[in-house]
Amino acid sequence: VPSGVGQLASFGAQAALQSYSREQELEADRL
């Protein structure tokens, strides 16, 4: 039975268009 590993690529594009957490935004701003 196929595992969920194949979801990785689609998550990469999806994640780029979804909001980050406040902590991640603060960290990205700091950097």
ModelCIF file with pLDDT and N, C-alpha, C, O atoms, coordinates in Angstrom:
data_MODEL
#
_entry.id   MODEL 
#
_entity.id                         1 
_entity.type                       polymer 
_entity.pdbx_number_of_molecules   1 
#
_entity_poly.entity_id                      1 
_entity_poly.type                           'polypeptide(L)' 
_entity_poly.nstd_linkage                   no 
_entity_poly.nstd_monomer                   no 
_entity_poly.pdbx_seq_one_letter_code       VPSGVGQLASFGAQAALQSYSREQELEADRL 
_entity_poly.pdbx_seq_one_letter_code_can   VPSGVGQLASFGAQAALQSYSREQELEADRL 
_entity_poly.pdbx_strand_id                 A 
#
loop_
_entity_poly_seq.entity_id 
_entity_poly_seq.num 
_entity_poly_seq.mon_id 
_entity_poly_seq.hetero 
1 1  VAL n 
1 2  PRO n 
1 3  SER n 
1 4  GLY n 
1 5  VAL n 
1 6  GLY n 
1 7  GLN n 
1 8  LEU n 
1 9  ALA n 
1 10 SER n 
1 11 PHE n 
1 12 GLY n 
1 13 ALA n 
1 14 GLN n 
1 15 ALA n 
1 16 ALA n 
1 17 LEU n 
1 18 GLN n 
1 19 SER n 
1 20 TYR n 
1 21 SER n 
1 22 ARG n 
1 23 GLU n 
1 24 GLN n 
1 25 GLU n 
1 26 LEU n 
1 27 GLU n 
1 28 ALA n 
1 29 ASP n 
1 30 ARG n 
1 31 LEU n 
#
_struct_asym.id          A 
_struct_asym.entity_id   1 
#
loop_
_ma_qa_metric.id 
_ma_qa_metric.mode 
_ma_qa_metric.name 
_ma_qa_metric.software_group_id 
_ma_qa_metric.type 
1 global pLDDT . pLDDT 
2 local  pLDDT . pLDDT 
#
_ma_qa_metric_global.metric_id      1 
_ma_qa_metric_global.metric_value   64.97 
_ma_qa_metric_global.model_id       1 
_ma_qa_metric_global.ordinal_id     1 
#
loop_
_ma_qa_metric_local.label_asym_id 
_ma_qa_metric_local.label_comp_id 
_ma_qa_metric_local.label_seq_id 
_ma_qa_metric_local.metric_id 
_ma_qa_metric_local.metric_value 
_ma_qa_metric_local.model_id 
_ma_qa_metric_local.ordinal_id 
A VAL 1  2 37.00 1 1  
A PRO 2  2 39.00 1 2  
A SER 3  2 39.00 1 3  
A GLY 4  2 39.00 1 4  
A VAL 5  2 39.00 1 5  
A GLY 6  2 44.00 1 6  
A GLN 7  2 51.00 1 7  
A LEU 8  2 52.00 1 8  
A ALA 9  2 51.00 1 9  
A SER 10 2 57.00 1 10 
A PHE 11 2 54.00 1 11 
A GLY 12 2 55.00 1 12 
A ALA 13 2 60.00 1 13 
A GLN 14 2 63.00 1 14 
A ALA 15 2 57.00 1 15 
A ALA 16 2 58.00 1 16 
A LEU 17 2 60.00 1 17 
A GLN 18 2 64.00 1 18 
A SER 19 2 68.00 1 19 
A TYR 20 2 76.00 1 20 
A SER 21 2 79.00 1 21 
A ARG 22 2 82.00 1 22 
A GLU 23 2 84.00 1 23 
A GLN 24 2 83.00 1 24 
A GLU 25 2 87.00 1 25 
A LEU 26 2 86.00 1 26 
A GLU 27 2 88.00 1 27 
A ALA 28 2 89.00 1 28 
A ASP 29 2 89.00 1 29 
A ARG 30 2 91.00 1 30 
A LEU 31 2 93.00 1 31 
#
loop_
_atom_site.group_PDB 
_atom_site.id 
_atom_site.type_symbol 
_atom_site.label_atom_id 
_atom_site.label_alt_id 
_atom_site.label_comp_id 
_atom_site.label_asym_id 
_atom_site.label_entity_id 
_atom_site.label_seq_id 
_atom_site.pdbx_PDB_ins_code 
_atom_site.Cartn_x 
_atom_site.Cartn_y 
_atom_site.Cartn_z 
_atom_site.occupancy 
_atom_site.B_iso_or_equiv 
_atom_site.pdbx_formal_charge 
_atom_site.auth_seq_id 
_atom_site.auth_comp_id 
_atom_site.auth_asym_id 
_atom_site.auth_atom_id 
_atom_site.pdbx_PDB_model_num 
ATOM 1   N N  . VAL A 1 1  ? 0.858  -1.187 0.000  1.00 37.00 ? 1  VAL A N  1 
ATOM 2   C CA . VAL A 1 1  ? 0.000  0.000  0.000  1.00 37.00 ? 1  VAL A CA 1 
ATOM 3   C C  . VAL A 1 1  ? 0.891  1.233  0.000  1.00 37.00 ? 1  VAL A C  1 
ATOM 4   O O  . VAL A 1 1  ? 1.764  1.336  0.862  1.00 37.00 ? 1  VAL A O  1 
ATOM 5   N N  . PRO A 1 2  ? 0.712  2.192  -0.941 1.00 39.00 ? 2  PRO A N  1 
ATOM 6   C CA . PRO A 1 2  ? 1.570  3.377  -1.011 1.00 39.00 ? 2  PRO A CA 1 
ATOM 7   C C  . PRO A 1 2  ? 1.491  4.194  0.277  1.00 39.00 ? 2  PRO A C  1 
ATOM 8   O O  . PRO A 1 2  ? 0.425  4.322  0.878  1.00 39.00 ? 2  PRO A O  1 
ATOM 9   N N  . SER A 1 3  ? 2.624  4.740  0.690  1.00 39.00 ? 3  SER A N  1 
ATOM 10  C CA . SER A 1 3  ? 2.656  5.589  1.887  1.00 39.00 ? 3  SER A CA 1 
ATOM 11  C C  . SER A 1 3  ? 2.377  7.030  1.514  1.00 39.00 ? 3  SER A C  1 
ATOM 12  O O  . SER A 1 3  ? 2.117  7.350  0.354  1.00 39.00 ? 3  SER A O  1 
ATOM 13  N N  . GLY A 1 4  ? 2.435  7.908  2.533  1.00 39.00 ? 4  GLY A N  1 
ATOM 14  C CA . GLY A 1 4  ? 2.148  9.322  2.301  1.00 39.00 ? 4  GLY A CA 1 
ATOM 15  C C  . GLY A 1 4  ? 3.348  10.118 1.839  1.00 39.00 ? 4  GLY A C  1 
ATOM 16  O O  . GLY A 1 4  ? 3.267  11.345 1.771  1.00 39.00 ? 4  GLY A O  1 
ATOM 17  N N  . VAL A 1 5  ? 4.457  9.475  1.519  1.00 39.00 ? 5  VAL A N  1 
ATOM 18  C CA . VAL A 1 5  ? 5.655  10.200 1.137  1.00 39.00 ? 5  VAL A CA 1 
ATOM 19  C C  . VAL A 1 5  ? 5.437  11.000 -0.140 1.00 39.00 ? 5  VAL A C  1 
ATOM 20  O O  . VAL A 1 5  ? 6.050  12.052 -0.320 1.00 39.00 ? 5  VAL A O  1 
ATOM 21  N N  . GLY A 1 6  ? 4.578  10.519 -1.023 1.00 44.00 ? 6  GLY A N  1 
ATOM 22  C CA . GLY A 1 6  ? 4.332  11.215 -2.281 1.00 44.00 ? 6  GLY A CA 1 
ATOM 23  C C  . GLY A 1 6  ? 3.668  12.559 -2.113 1.00 44.00 ? 6  GLY A C  1 
ATOM 24  O O  . GLY A 1 6  ? 3.569  13.324 -3.073 1.00 44.00 ? 6  GLY A O  1 
ATOM 25  N N  . GLN A 1 7  ? 3.203  12.869 -0.893 1.00 51.00 ? 7  GLN A N  1 
ATOM 26  C CA . GLN A 1 7  ? 2.560  14.163 -0.645 1.00 51.00 ? 7  GLN A CA 1 
ATOM 27  C C  . GLN A 1 7  ? 3.577  15.277 -0.480 1.00 51.00 ? 7  GLN A C  1 
ATOM 28  O O  . GLN A 1 7  ? 3.202  16.448 -0.430 1.00 51.00 ? 7  GLN A O  1 
ATOM 29  N N  . LEU A 1 8  ? 4.849  14.939 -0.393 1.00 52.00 ? 8  LEU A N  1 
ATOM 30  C CA . LEU A 1 8  ? 5.863  15.945 -0.109 1.00 52.00 ? 8  LEU A CA 1 
ATOM 31  C C  . LEU A 1 8  ? 5.873  17.075 -1.123 1.00 52.00 ? 8  LEU A C  1 
ATOM 32  O O  . LEU A 1 8  ? 5.835  18.246 -0.746 1.00 52.00 ? 8  LEU A O  1 
ATOM 33  N N  . ALA A 1 9  ? 5.924  16.738 -2.408 1.00 51.00 ? 9  ALA A N  1 
ATOM 34  C CA . ALA A 1 9  ? 6.062  17.771 -3.430 1.00 51.00 ? 9  ALA A CA 1 
ATOM 35  C C  . ALA A 1 9  ? 4.865  18.702 -3.450 1.00 51.00 ? 9  ALA A C  1 
ATOM 36  O O  . ALA A 1 9  ? 5.022  19.922 -3.504 1.00 51.00 ? 9  ALA A O  1 
ATOM 37  N N  . SER A 1 10 ? 3.675  18.135 -3.406 1.00 57.00 ? 10 SER A N  1 
ATOM 38  C CA . SER A 1 10 ? 2.485  18.979 -3.448 1.00 57.00 ? 10 SER A CA 1 
ATOM 39  C C  . SER A 1 10 ? 2.425  19.870 -2.213 1.00 57.00 ? 10 SER A C  1 
ATOM 40  O O  . SER A 1 10 ? 1.933  20.996 -2.287 1.00 57.00 ? 10 SER A O  1 
ATOM 41  N N  . PHE A 1 11 ? 2.923  19.376 -1.075 1.00 54.00 ? 11 PHE A N  1 
ATOM 42  C CA . PHE A 1 11 ? 2.937  20.212 0.116  1.00 54.00 ? 11 PHE A CA 1 
ATOM 43  C C  . PHE A 1 11 ? 3.887  21.379 -0.058 1.00 54.00 ? 11 PHE A C  1 
ATOM 44  O O  . PHE A 1 11 ? 3.619  22.472 0.442  1.00 54.00 ? 11 PHE A O  1 
ATOM 45  N N  . GLY A 1 12 ? 5.003  21.169 -0.764 1.00 55.00 ? 12 GLY A N  1 
ATOM 46  C CA . GLY A 1 12 ? 5.961  22.252 -0.964 1.00 55.00 ? 12 GLY A CA 1 
ATOM 47  C C  . GLY A 1 12 ? 5.339  23.441 -1.649 1.00 55.00 ? 12 GLY A C  1 
ATOM 48  O O  . GLY A 1 12 ? 5.554  24.575 -1.221 1.00 55.00 ? 12 GLY A O  1 
ATOM 49  N N  . ALA A 1 13 ? 4.557  23.217 -2.721 1.00 60.00 ? 13 ALA A N  1 
ATOM 50  C CA . ALA A 1 13 ? 3.890  24.312 -3.421 1.00 60.00 ? 13 ALA A CA 1 
ATOM 51  C C  . ALA A 1 13 ? 2.767  24.876 -2.582 1.00 60.00 ? 13 ALA A C  1 
ATOM 52  O O  . ALA A 1 13 ? 2.588  26.092 -2.515 1.00 60.00 ? 13 ALA A O  1 
ATOM 53  N N  . GLN A 1 14 ? 2.013  24.009 -1.944 1.00 63.00 ? 14 GLN A N  1 
ATOM 54  C CA . GLN A 1 14 ? 0.877  24.451 -1.128 1.00 63.00 ? 14 GLN A CA 1 
ATOM 55  C C  . GLN A 1 14 ? 1.352  25.324 0.025  1.00 63.00 ? 14 GLN A C  1 
ATOM 56  O O  . GLN A 1 14 ? 0.746  26.350 0.335  1.00 63.00 ? 14 GLN A O  1 
ATOM 57  N N  . ALA A 1 15 ? 2.442  24.904 0.654  1.00 57.00 ? 15 ALA A N  1 
ATOM 58  C CA . ALA A 1 15 ? 2.943  25.641 1.811  1.00 57.00 ? 15 ALA A CA 1 
ATOM 59  C C  . ALA A 1 15 ? 3.407  27.037 1.436  1.00 57.00 ? 15 ALA A C  1 
ATOM 60  O O  . ALA A 1 15 ? 3.312  27.963 2.242  1.00 57.00 ? 15 ALA A O  1 
ATOM 61  N N  . ALA A 1 16 ? 3.909  27.194 0.220  1.00 58.00 ? 16 ALA A N  1 
ATOM 62  C CA . ALA A 1 16 ? 4.381  28.509 -0.209 1.00 58.00 ? 16 ALA A CA 1 
ATOM 63  C C  . ALA A 1 16 ? 3.250  29.516 -0.274 1.00 58.00 ? 16 ALA A C  1 
ATOM 64  O O  . ALA A 1 16 ? 3.483  30.720 -0.167 1.00 58.00 ? 16 ALA A O  1 
ATOM 65  N N  . LEU A 1 17 ? 2.016  29.030 -0.449 1.00 60.00 ? 17 LEU A N  1 
ATOM 66  C CA . LEU A 1 17 ? 0.867  29.913 -0.605 1.00 60.00 ? 17 LEU A CA 1 
ATOM 67  C C  . LEU A 1 17 ? -0.012 29.943 0.630  1.00 60.00 ? 17 LEU A C  1 
ATOM 68  O O  . LEU A 1 17 ? -1.105 30.506 0.593  1.00 60.00 ? 17 LEU A O  1 
ATOM 69  N N  . GLN A 1 18 ? 0.441  29.353 1.712  1.00 64.00 ? 18 GLN A N  1 
ATOM 70  C CA . GLN A 1 18 ? -0.301 29.374 2.960  1.00 64.00 ? 18 GLN A CA 1 
ATOM 71  C C  . GLN A 1 18 ? 0.423  30.249 3.972  1.00 64.00 ? 18 GLN A C  1 
ATOM 72  O O  . GLN A 1 18 ? 1.628  30.476 3.863  1.00 64.00 ? 18 GLN A O  1 
ATOM 73  N N  . SER A 1 19 ? -0.309 30.729 4.938  1.00 68.00 ? 19 SER A N  1 
ATOM 74  C CA . SER A 1 19 ? 0.279  31.644 5.900  1.00 68.00 ? 19 SER A CA 1 
ATOM 75  C C  . SER A 1 19 ? 1.212  30.917 6.859  1.00 68.00 ? 19 SER A C  1 
ATOM 76  O O  . SER A 1 19 ? 0.954  29.786 7.269  1.00 68.00 ? 19 SER A O  1 
ATOM 77  N N  . TYR A 1 20 ? 2.301  31.593 7.205  1.00 76.00 ? 20 TYR A N  1 
ATOM 78  C CA . TYR A 1 20 ? 3.218  31.077 8.206  1.00 76.00 ? 20 TYR A CA 1 
ATOM 79  C C  . TYR A 1 20 ? 2.687  31.429 9.597  1.00 76.00 ? 20 TYR A C  1 
ATOM 80  O O  . TYR A 1 20 ? 1.805  32.275 9.748  1.00 76.00 ? 20 TYR A O  1 
ATOM 81  N N  . SER A 1 21 ? 3.244  30.762 10.602 1.00 79.00 ? 21 SER A N  1 
ATOM 82  C CA . SER A 1 21 ? 2.887  31.107 11.972 1.00 79.00 ? 21 SER A CA 1 
ATOM 83  C C  . SER A 1 21 ? 3.525  32.447 12.333 1.00 79.00 ? 21 SER A C  1 
ATOM 84  O O  . SER A 1 21 ? 4.455  32.907 11.670 1.00 79.00 ? 21 SER A O  1 
ATOM 85  N N  . ARG A 1 22 ? 3.014  33.058 13.387 1.00 82.00 ? 22 ARG A N  1 
ATOM 86  C CA . ARG A 1 22 ? 3.585  34.330 13.833 1.00 82.00 ? 22 ARG A CA 1 
ATOM 87  C C  . ARG A 1 22 ? 5.049  34.171 14.213 1.00 82.00 ? 22 ARG A C  1 
ATOM 88  O O  . ARG A 1 22 ? 5.871  35.046 13.944 1.00 82.00 ? 22 ARG A O  1 
ATOM 89  N N  . GLU A 1 23 ? 5.366  33.038 14.845 1.00 84.00 ? 23 GLU A N  1 
ATOM 90  C CA . GLU A 1 23 ? 6.752  32.799 15.263 1.00 84.00 ? 23 GLU A CA 1 
ATOM 91  C C  . GLU A 1 23 ? 7.667  32.678 14.047 1.00 84.00 ? 23 GLU A C  1 
ATOM 92  O O  . GLU A 1 23 ? 8.782  33.199 14.053 1.00 84.00 ? 23 GLU A O  1 
ATOM 93  N N  . GLN A 1 24 ? 7.194  31.991 13.003 1.00 83.00 ? 24 GLN A N  1 
ATOM 94  C CA . GLN A 1 24 ? 8.002  31.845 11.801 1.00 83.00 ? 24 GLN A CA 1 
ATOM 95  C C  . GLN A 1 24 ? 8.164  33.175 11.074 1.00 83.00 ? 24 GLN A C  1 
ATOM 96  O O  . GLN A 1 24 ? 9.228  33.459 10.524 1.00 83.00 ? 24 GLN A O  1 
ATOM 97  N N  . GLU A 1 25 ? 7.110  33.991 11.070 1.00 87.00 ? 25 GLU A N  1 
ATOM 98  C CA . GLU A 1 25 ? 7.205  35.309 10.440 1.00 87.00 ? 25 GLU A CA 1 
ATOM 99  C C  . GLU A 1 25 ? 8.204  36.186 11.194 1.00 87.00 ? 25 GLU A C  1 
ATOM 100 O O  . GLU A 1 25 ? 9.009  36.887 10.581 1.00 87.00 ? 25 GLU A O  1 
ATOM 101 N N  . LEU A 1 26 ? 8.147  36.142 12.508 1.00 86.00 ? 26 LEU A N  1 
ATOM 102 C CA . LEU A 1 26 ? 9.100  36.931 13.300 1.00 86.00 ? 26 LEU A CA 1 
ATOM 103 C C  . LEU A 1 26 ? 10.520 36.454 13.035 1.00 86.00 ? 26 LEU A C  1 
ATOM 104 O O  . LEU A 1 26 ? 11.435 37.265 12.888 1.00 86.00 ? 26 LEU A O  1 
ATOM 105 N N  . GLU A 1 27 ? 10.700 35.156 12.976 1.00 88.00 ? 27 GLU A N  1 
ATOM 106 C CA . GLU A 1 27 ? 12.034 34.617 12.712 1.00 88.00 ? 27 GLU A CA 1 
ATOM 107 C C  . GLU A 1 27 ? 12.523 35.021 11.329 1.00 88.00 ? 27 GLU A C  1 
ATOM 108 O O  . GLU A 1 27 ? 13.685 35.396 11.174 1.00 88.00 ? 27 GLU A O  1 
ATOM 109 N N  . ALA A 1 28 ? 11.649 34.951 10.311 1.00 89.00 ? 28 ALA A N  1 
ATOM 110 C CA . ALA A 1 28 ? 12.035 35.357 8.960  1.00 89.00 ? 28 ALA A CA 1 
ATOM 111 C C  . ALA A 1 28 ? 12.350 36.852 8.917  1.00 89.00 ? 28 ALA A C  1 
ATOM 112 O O  . ALA A 1 28 ? 13.255 37.275 8.198  1.00 89.00 ? 28 ALA A O  1 
ATOM 113 N N  . ASP A 1 29 ? 11.608 37.650 9.680  1.00 89.00 ? 29 ASP A N  1 
ATOM 114 C CA . ASP A 1 29 ? 11.911 39.079 9.742  1.00 89.00 ? 29 ASP A CA 1 
ATOM 115 C C  . ASP A 1 29 ? 13.258 39.332 10.417 1.00 89.00 ? 29 ASP A C  1 
ATOM 116 O O  . ASP A 1 29 ? 14.037 40.172 9.966  1.00 89.00 ? 29 ASP A O  1 
ATOM 117 N N  . ARG A 1 30 ? 13.525 38.610 11.487 1.00 91.00 ? 30 ARG A N  1 
ATOM 118 C CA . ARG A 1 30 ? 14.824 38.760 12.159 1.00 91.00 ? 30 ARG A CA 1 
ATOM 119 C C  . ARG A 1 30 ? 15.968 38.442 11.202 1.00 91.00 ? 30 ARG A C  1 
ATOM 120 O O  . ARG A 1 30 ? 16.943 39.188 11.107 1.00 91.00 ? 30 ARG A O  1 
ATOM 121 N N  . LEU A 1 31 ? 15.832 37.329 10.502 1.00 93.00 ? 31 LEU A N  1 
ATOM 122 C CA . LEU A 1 31 ? 16.879 36.943 9.560  1.00 93.00 ? 31 LEU A CA 1 
ATOM 123 C C  . LEU A 1 31 ? 16.960 37.932 8.403  1.00 93.00 ? 31 LEU A C  1 
ATOM 124 O O  . LEU A 1 31 ? 17.789 37.767 7.508  1.00 93.00 ? 31 LEU A O  1 
#
